[in-house]
Amino acid sequence: MKIQRFKTTIKCSGCVATVTPVLNEKLGKNNWEVDLQSPERVLTIASAEDVSEMDIAAALEKIGFKAEKIN
């Protein structure tokens, strides 16, 4: 299982509701979560498939959010 983390502009539960269909389609249900308590609003992805950083950033950008990979 590969773990990736991204700093995002997802700020609230309404934003999470907006990104849910996109991320579920791209990553699968229950393979991601957003920590809204973190100042960086960290999106954590746990996936057996190798999903590129660019794919995630592009998918979120299409619906108005930004994502930057963090270590």
C-alpha atoms as a PDB file:
ATOM      1  CA  MET A   1       0.000   0.000   0.000  1.00  0.00           C
ATOM      2  CA  LYS A   2       1.400   3.372  -1.026  1.00  0.00           C
ATOM      3  CA  ILE A   3       0.707   6.417   1.182  1.00  0.00           C
ATOM      4  CA  GLN A   4       0.771   9.902  -0.342  1.00  0.00           C
ATOM      5  CA  ARG A   5       0.037  13.230   1.369  1.00  0.00           C
ATOM      6  CA  PHE A   6      -0.963  16.527  -0.198  1.00  0.00           C
ATOM      7  CA  LYS A   7      -1.417  20.032   1.172  1.00  0.00           C
ATOM      8  CA  THR A   8      -4.772  21.186  -0.217  1.00  0.00           C
ATOM      9  CA  THR A   9      -7.218  24.082  -0.395  1.00  0.00           C
ATOM     10  CA  ILE A  10     -10.061  21.820   0.798  1.00  0.00           C
ATOM     11  CA  LYS A  11     -11.316  23.856   3.767  1.00  0.00           C
ATOM     12  CA  CYS A  12     -14.638  22.496   5.035  1.00  0.00           C
ATOM     13  CA  SER A  13     -17.090  19.616   4.971  1.00  0.00           C
ATOM     14  CA  GLY A  14     -18.819  21.244   1.991  1.00  0.00           C
ATOM     15  CA  CYS A  15     -15.525  21.142   0.096  1.00  0.00           C
ATOM     16  CA  VAL A  16     -15.091  17.486   1.070  1.00  0.00           C
ATOM     17  CA  ALA A  17     -18.578  16.780  -0.316  1.00  0.00           C
ATOM     18  CA  THR A  18     -17.537  18.450  -3.588  1.00  0.00           C
ATOM     19  CA  VAL A  19     -14.316  16.440  -3.994  1.00  0.00           C
ATOM     20  CA  THR A  20     -15.767  13.112  -2.826  1.00  0.00           C
ATOM     21  CA  PRO A  21     -17.185  11.948  -6.200  1.00  0.00           C
ATOM     22  CA  VAL A  22     -13.977  12.892  -8.016  1.00  0.00           C
ATOM     23  CA  LEU A  23     -11.629  11.256  -5.514  1.00  0.00           C
ATOM     24  CA  ASN A  24     -13.822   8.165  -5.121  1.00  0.00           C
ATOM     25  CA  GLU A  25     -13.775   7.688  -8.895  1.00  0.00           C
ATOM     26  CA  LYS A  26     -10.031   8.253  -9.170  1.00  0.00           C
ATOM     27  CA  LEU A  27      -8.882   6.459  -5.998  1.00  0.00           C
ATOM     28  CA  GLY A  28     -11.736   4.285  -4.822  1.00  0.00           C
ATOM     29  CA  LYS A  29     -14.000   4.757  -1.861  1.00  0.00           C
ATOM     30  CA  ASN A  30     -12.260   4.712   1.558  1.00  0.00           C
ATOM     31  CA  ASN A  31      -8.786   5.128   0.016  1.00  0.00           C
ATOM     32  CA  TRP A  32      -8.469   8.792   0.952  1.00  0.00           C
ATOM     33  CA  GLU A  33      -9.254  11.289   3.703  1.00  0.00           C
ATOM     34  CA  VAL A  34      -8.829  15.006   4.369  1.00  0.00           C
ATOM     35  CA  ASP A  35      -7.717  16.253   7.775  1.00  0.00           C
ATOM     36  CA  LEU A  36      -9.744  19.439   8.173  1.00  0.00           C
ATOM     37  CA  GLN A  37      -8.176  20.052  11.605  1.00  0.00           C
ATOM     38  CA  SER A  38      -4.716  20.435  10.098  1.00  0.00           C
ATOM     39  CA  PRO A  39      -3.782  23.985   9.015  1.00  0.00           C
ATOM     40  CA  GLU A  40      -2.532  22.480   5.747  1.00  0.00           C
ATOM     41  CA  ARG A  41      -5.798  20.529   5.163  1.00  0.00           C
ATOM     42  CA  VAL A  42      -3.823  17.379   4.406  1.00  0.00           C
ATOM     43  CA  LEU A  43      -5.267  14.904   1.914  1.00  0.00           C
ATOM     44  CA  THR A  44      -3.939  11.411   2.655  1.00  0.00           C
ATOM     45  CA  ILE A  45      -4.209   8.734  -0.003  1.00  0.00           C
ATOM     46  CA  ALA A  46      -3.650   5.043   0.721  1.00  0.00           C
ATOM     47  CA  SER A  47      -3.830   3.093  -2.493  1.00  0.00           C
ATOM     48  CA  ALA A  48      -2.465  -0.145  -3.868  1.00  0.00           C
ATOM     49  CA  GLU A  49      -2.440   1.460  -7.315  1.00  0.00           C
ATOM     50  CA  ASP A  50       0.234   3.965  -8.223  1.00  0.00           C
ATOM     51  CA  VAL A  51      -1.576   7.267  -8.720  1.00  0.00           C
ATOM     52  CA  SER A  52       0.639  10.104  -9.862  1.00  0.00           C
ATOM     53  CA  GLU A  53       0.926  13.418  -8.078  1.00  0.00           C
ATOM     54  CA  MET A  54       0.015  15.175 -11.330  1.00  0.00           C
ATOM     55  CA  ASP A  55      -3.177  13.117 -11.735  1.00  0.00           C
ATOM     56  CA  ILE A  56      -4.375  14.073  -8.249  1.00  0.00           C
ATOM     57  CA  ALA A  57      -3.489  17.747  -8.687  1.00  0.00           C
ATOM     58  CA  ALA A  58      -5.173  17.879 -12.117  1.00  0.00           C
ATOM     59  CA  ALA A  59      -8.354  16.154 -10.897  1.00  0.00           C
ATOM     60  CA  LEU A  60      -8.709  18.576  -7.983  1.00  0.00           C
ATOM     61  CA  GLU A  61      -7.822  21.610 -10.097  1.00  0.00           C
ATOM     62  CA  LYS A  62     -10.684  20.803 -12.505  1.00  0.00           C
ATOM     63  CA  ILE A  63     -13.141  21.336  -9.635  1.00  0.00           C
ATOM     64  CA  GLY A  64     -11.444  24.396  -8.164  1.00  0.00           C
ATOM     65  CA  PHE A  65      -9.007  23.028  -5.567  1.00  0.00           C
ATOM     66  CA  LYS A  66      -5.228  22.861  -5.379  1.00  0.00           C
ATOM     67  CA  ALA A  67      -3.040  20.038  -4.096  1.00  0.00           C
ATOM     68  CA  GLU A  68       0.700  20.041  -3.484  1.00  0.00           C
ATOM     69  CA  LYS A  69       2.539  16.873  -2.522  1.00  0.00           C
ATOM     70  CA  ILE A  70       4.212  16.877   0.881  1.00  0.00           C
ATOM     71  CA  ASN A  71       6.514  14.338   2.520  1.00  0.00           C
END
